Amino acid sequence: MRIQLGSRFDLFLTQPTPMIALLNVHYSRSSDMKYPDHIVTTPAVS
């Protein structure tokens, strides 16, 4: 069985606000994944 995971979080703030958000599949399930999970941010950050 394949289950597609994905979420989009849109946050609209009144001023620039530093934020850290780490959302990943648990490492113990990484061998079950068809593709690696990549975090994408907009705008791009290092």
PDB file of N, CA and C in Angstrom:
ATOM      1  N   MET A   1       0.840  -1.161   0.000  1.00  0.00           N
ATOM      2  CA  MET A   1       0.000   0.000   0.000  1.00  0.00           C
ATOM      3  C   MET A   1       0.898   1.242   0.000  1.00  0.00           C
ATOM      4  N   ARG A   2       0.553   2.200  -0.820  1.00  0.00           N
ATOM      5  CA  ARG A   2       1.290   3.473  -0.843  1.00  0.00           C
ATOM      6  C   ARG A   2       0.382   4.572  -0.317  1.00  0.00           C
ATOM      7  N   ILE A   3       0.913   5.346   0.589  1.00  0.00           N
ATOM      8  CA  ILE A   3       0.175   6.472   1.143  1.00  0.00           C
ATOM      9  C   ILE A   3       0.962   7.730   0.834  1.00  0.00           C
ATOM     10  N   GLN A   4       0.311   8.674   0.193  1.00  0.00           N
ATOM     11  CA  GLN A   4       0.982   9.930  -0.142  1.00  0.00           C
ATOM     12  C   GLN A   4       0.855  10.885   1.030  1.00  0.00           C
ATOM     13  N   LEU A   5       1.985  11.392   1.472  1.00  0.00           N
ATOM     14  CA  LEU A   5       2.014  12.355   2.559  1.00  0.00           C
ATOM     15  C   LEU A   5       2.347  13.720   1.990  1.00  0.00           C
ATOM     16  N   GLY A   6       1.739  14.724   2.510  1.00  0.00           N
ATOM     17  CA  GLY A   6       2.075  16.072   2.079  1.00  0.00           C
ATOM     18  C   GLY A   6       1.177  17.084   2.758  1.00  0.00           C
ATOM     19  N   SER A   7       1.747  18.202   3.059  1.00  0.00           N
ATOM     20  CA  SER A   7       1.002  19.277   3.688  1.00  0.00           C
ATOM     21  C   SER A   7       1.584  20.593   3.229  1.00  0.00           C
ATOM     22  N   ARG A   8       0.744  21.591   3.257  1.00  0.00           N
ATOM     23  CA  ARG A   8       1.200  22.936   2.941  1.00  0.00           C
ATOM     24  C   ARG A   8       0.729  23.838   4.075  1.00  0.00           C
ATOM     25  N   PHE A   9       1.656  24.604   4.585  1.00  0.00           N
ATOM     26  CA  PHE A   9       1.348  25.532   5.663  1.00  0.00           C
ATOM     27  C   PHE A   9       1.603  26.946   5.157  1.00  0.00           C
ATOM     28  N   ASP A  10       0.577  27.765   5.117  1.00  0.00           N
ATOM     29  CA  ASP A  10       0.716  29.166   4.726  1.00  0.00           C
ATOM     30  C   ASP A  10       0.547  30.022   5.971  1.00  0.00           C
ATOM     31  N   LEU A  11       1.584  30.775   6.299  1.00  0.00           N
ATOM     32  CA  LEU A  11       1.536  31.665   7.453  1.00  0.00           C
ATOM     33  C   LEU A  11       1.716  33.097   6.952  1.00  0.00           C
ATOM     34  N   PHE A  12       0.784  33.949   7.279  1.00  0.00           N
ATOM     35  CA  PHE A  12       0.852  35.349   6.884  1.00  0.00           C
ATOM     36  C   PHE A  12       1.022  36.176   8.154  1.00  0.00           C
ATOM     37  N   LEU A  13       2.190  36.810   8.294  1.00  0.00           N
ATOM     38  CA  LEU A  13       2.527  37.555   9.504  1.00  0.00           C
ATOM     39  C   LEU A  13       2.689  39.027   9.163  1.00  0.00           C
ATOM     40  N   THR A  14       2.439  39.884  10.130  1.00  0.00           N
ATOM     41  CA  THR A  14       2.477  41.325   9.888  1.00  0.00           C
ATOM     42  C   THR A  14       3.892  41.886   9.797  1.00  0.00           C
ATOM     43  N   GLN A  15       4.872  41.133  10.261  1.00  0.00           N
ATOM     44  CA  GLN A  15       6.265  41.574  10.178  1.00  0.00           C
ATOM     45  C   GLN A  15       7.160  40.359   9.994  1.00  0.00           C
ATOM     46  N   PRO A  16       8.397  40.552   9.500  1.00  0.00           N
ATOM     47  CA  PRO A  16       9.308  39.416   9.339  1.00  0.00           C
ATOM     48  C   PRO A  16       9.499  38.702  10.680  1.00  0.00           C
ATOM     49  N   THR A  17       9.318  37.408  10.671  1.00  0.00           N
ATOM     50  CA  THR A  17       9.371  36.620  11.902  1.00  0.00           C
ATOM     51  C   THR A  17      10.216  35.371  11.698  1.00  0.00           C
ATOM     52  N   PRO A  18      11.329  35.236  12.430  1.00  0.00           N
ATOM     53  CA  PRO A  18      12.125  34.006  12.321  1.00  0.00           C
ATOM     54  C   PRO A  18      11.291  32.808  12.777  1.00  0.00           C
ATOM     55  N   MET A  19      11.433  31.706  12.067  1.00  0.00           N
ATOM     56  CA  MET A  19      10.649  30.526  12.403  1.00  0.00           C
ATOM     57  C   MET A  19      11.437  29.267  12.076  1.00  0.00           C
ATOM     58  N   ILE A  20      11.326  28.283  12.921  1.00  0.00           N
ATOM     59  CA  ILE A  20      11.932  26.979  12.669  1.00  0.00           C
ATOM     60  C   ILE A  20      10.800  25.958  12.688  1.00  0.00           C
ATOM     61  N   ALA A  21      10.663  25.216  11.597  1.00  0.00           N
ATOM     62  CA  ALA A  21       9.645  24.168  11.531  1.00  0.00           C
ATOM     63  C   ALA A  21      10.272  22.949  10.874  1.00  0.00           C
ATOM     64  N   LEU A  22      10.352  21.863  11.604  1.00  0.00           N
ATOM     65  CA  LEU A  22      10.917  20.628  11.065  1.00  0.00           C
ATOM     66  C   LEU A  22       9.837  19.562  11.063  1.00  0.00           C
ATOM     67  N   LEU A  23       9.448  19.166   9.876  1.00  0.00           N
ATOM     68  CA  LEU A  23       8.411  18.155   9.728  1.00  0.00           C
ATOM     69  C   LEU A  23       8.952  17.080   8.803  1.00  0.00           C
ATOM     70  N   ASN A  24       9.252  15.940   9.358  1.00  0.00           N
ATOM     71  CA  ASN A  24       9.810  14.844   8.567  1.00  0.00           C
ATOM     72  C   ASN A  24       9.159  13.531   8.963  1.00  0.00           C
ATOM     73  N   VAL A  25       9.244  12.587   8.047  1.00  0.00           N
ATOM     74  CA  VAL A  25       8.830  11.223   8.361  1.00  0.00           C
ATOM     75  C   VAL A  25       9.850  10.661   9.344  1.00  0.00           C
ATOM     76  N   HIS A  26       9.408   9.918  10.314  1.00  0.00           N
ATOM     77  CA  HIS A  26      10.301   9.364  11.322  1.00  0.00           C
ATOM     78  C   HIS A  26      11.375   8.509  10.662  1.00  0.00           C
ATOM     79  N   TYR A  27      12.609   8.630  11.134  1.00  0.00           N
ATOM     80  CA  TYR A  27      13.744   7.935  10.511  1.00  0.00           C
ATOM     81  C   TYR A  27      13.542   6.423  10.440  1.00  0.00           C
ATOM     82  N   SER A  28      12.796   5.857  11.355  1.00  0.00           N
ATOM     83  CA  SER A  28      12.578   4.408  11.353  1.00  0.00           C
ATOM     84  C   SER A  28      11.715   3.960  10.175  1.00  0.00           C
ATOM     85  N   ARG A  29      11.035   4.898   9.507  1.00  0.00           N
ATOM     86  CA  ARG A  29      10.186   4.566   8.367  1.00  0.00           C
ATOM     87  C   ARG A  29      10.831   4.958   7.039  1.00  0.00           C
ATOM     88  N   SER A  30      12.054   5.468   7.049  1.00  0.00           N
ATOM     89  CA  SER A  30      12.689   5.951   5.818  1.00  0.00           C
ATOM     90  C   SER A  30      12.862   4.850   4.768  1.00  0.00           C
ATOM     91  N   SER A  31      13.058   3.610   5.187  1.00  0.00           N
ATOM     92  CA  SER A  31      13.222   2.517   4.220  1.00  0.00           C
ATOM     93  C   SER A  31      11.907   2.183   3.514  1.00  0.00           C
ATOM     94  N   ASP A  32      10.780   2.641   4.059  1.00  0.00           N
ATOM     95  CA  ASP A  32       9.478   2.384   3.445  1.00  0.00           C
ATOM     96  C   ASP A  32       9.116   3.421   2.389  1.00  0.00           C
ATOM     97  N   MET A  33       9.894   4.475   2.295  1.00  0.00           N
ATOM     98  CA  MET A  33       9.541   5.568   1.395  1.00  0.00           C
ATOM     99  C   MET A  33      10.020   5.300  -0.025  1.00  0.00           C
ATOM    100  N   LYS A  34       9.180   5.664  -0.982  1.00  0.00           N
ATOM    101  CA  LYS A  34       9.529   5.516  -2.395  1.00  0.00           C
ATOM    102  C   LYS A  34      10.493   6.628  -2.812  1.00  0.00           C
ATOM    103  N   TYR A  35      10.282   7.830  -2.298  1.00  0.00           N
ATOM    104  CA  TYR A  35      11.129   8.988  -2.582  1.00  0.00           C
ATOM    105  C   TYR A  35      11.569   9.605  -1.256  1.00  0.00           C
ATOM    106  N   PRO A  36      12.725  10.245  -1.233  1.00  0.00           N
ATOM    107  CA  PRO A  36      13.154  10.923   0.007  1.00  0.00           C
ATOM    108  C   PRO A  36      12.253  12.131   0.298  1.00  0.00           C
ATOM    109  N   ASP A  37      12.118  12.467   1.557  1.00  0.00           N
ATOM    110  CA  ASP A  37      11.326  13.643   1.902  1.00  0.00           C
ATOM    111  C   ASP A  37      12.223  14.877   1.917  1.00  0.00           C
ATOM    112  N   HIS A  38      11.819  15.901   1.213  1.00  0.00           N
ATOM    113  CA  HIS A  38      12.577  17.142   1.122  1.00  0.00           C
ATOM    114  C   HIS A  38      11.705  18.275   1.633  1.00  0.00           C
ATOM    115  N   ILE A  39      12.307  19.159   2.395  1.00  0.00           N
ATOM    116  CA  ILE A  39      11.603  20.337   2.872  1.00  0.00           C
ATOM    117  C   ILE A  39      11.839  21.476   1.889  1.00  0.00           C
ATOM    118  N   VAL A  40      10.767  22.148   1.493  1.00  0.00           N
ATOM    119  CA  VAL A  40      10.847  23.260   0.549  1.00  0.00           C
ATOM    120  C   VAL A  40      10.301  24.500   1.228  1.00  0.00           C
ATOM    121  N   THR A  41      11.031  25.601   1.129  1.00  0.00           N
ATOM    122  CA  THR A  41      10.559  26.861   1.718  1.00  0.00           C
ATOM    123  C   THR A  41      10.440  27.919   0.629  1.00  0.00           C
ATOM    124  N   THR A  42       9.516  28.857   0.844  1.00  0.00           N
ATOM    125  CA  THR A  42       9.347  29.989  -0.048  1.00  0.00           C
ATOM    126  C   THR A  42       9.261  31.229   0.819  1.00  0.00           C
ATOM    127  N   PRO A  43      10.148  32.180   0.685  1.00  0.00           N
ATOM    128  CA  PRO A  43      11.308  32.218  -0.209  1.00  0.00           C
ATOM    129  C   PRO A  43      12.365  31.188   0.233  1.00  0.00           C
ATOM    130  N   ALA A  44      13.245  30.865  -0.695  1.00  0.00           N
ATOM    131  CA  ALA A  44      14.283  29.876  -0.416  1.00  0.00           C
ATOM    132  C   ALA A  44      15.214  30.367   0.680  1.00  0.00           C
ATOM    133  N   VAL A  45      15.572  29.468   1.578  1.00  0.00           N
ATOM    134  CA  VAL A  45      16.540  29.766   2.641  1.00  0.00           C
ATOM    135  C   VAL A  45      17.561  28.652   2.693  1.00  0.00           C
ATOM    136  N   SER A  46      18.717  28.961   3.230  1.00  0.00           N
ATOM    137  CA  SER A  46      19.762  27.940   3.309  1.00  0.00           C
ATOM    138  C   SER A  46      19.495  26.965   4.437  1.00  0.00           C
TER     139      SER A  46
END
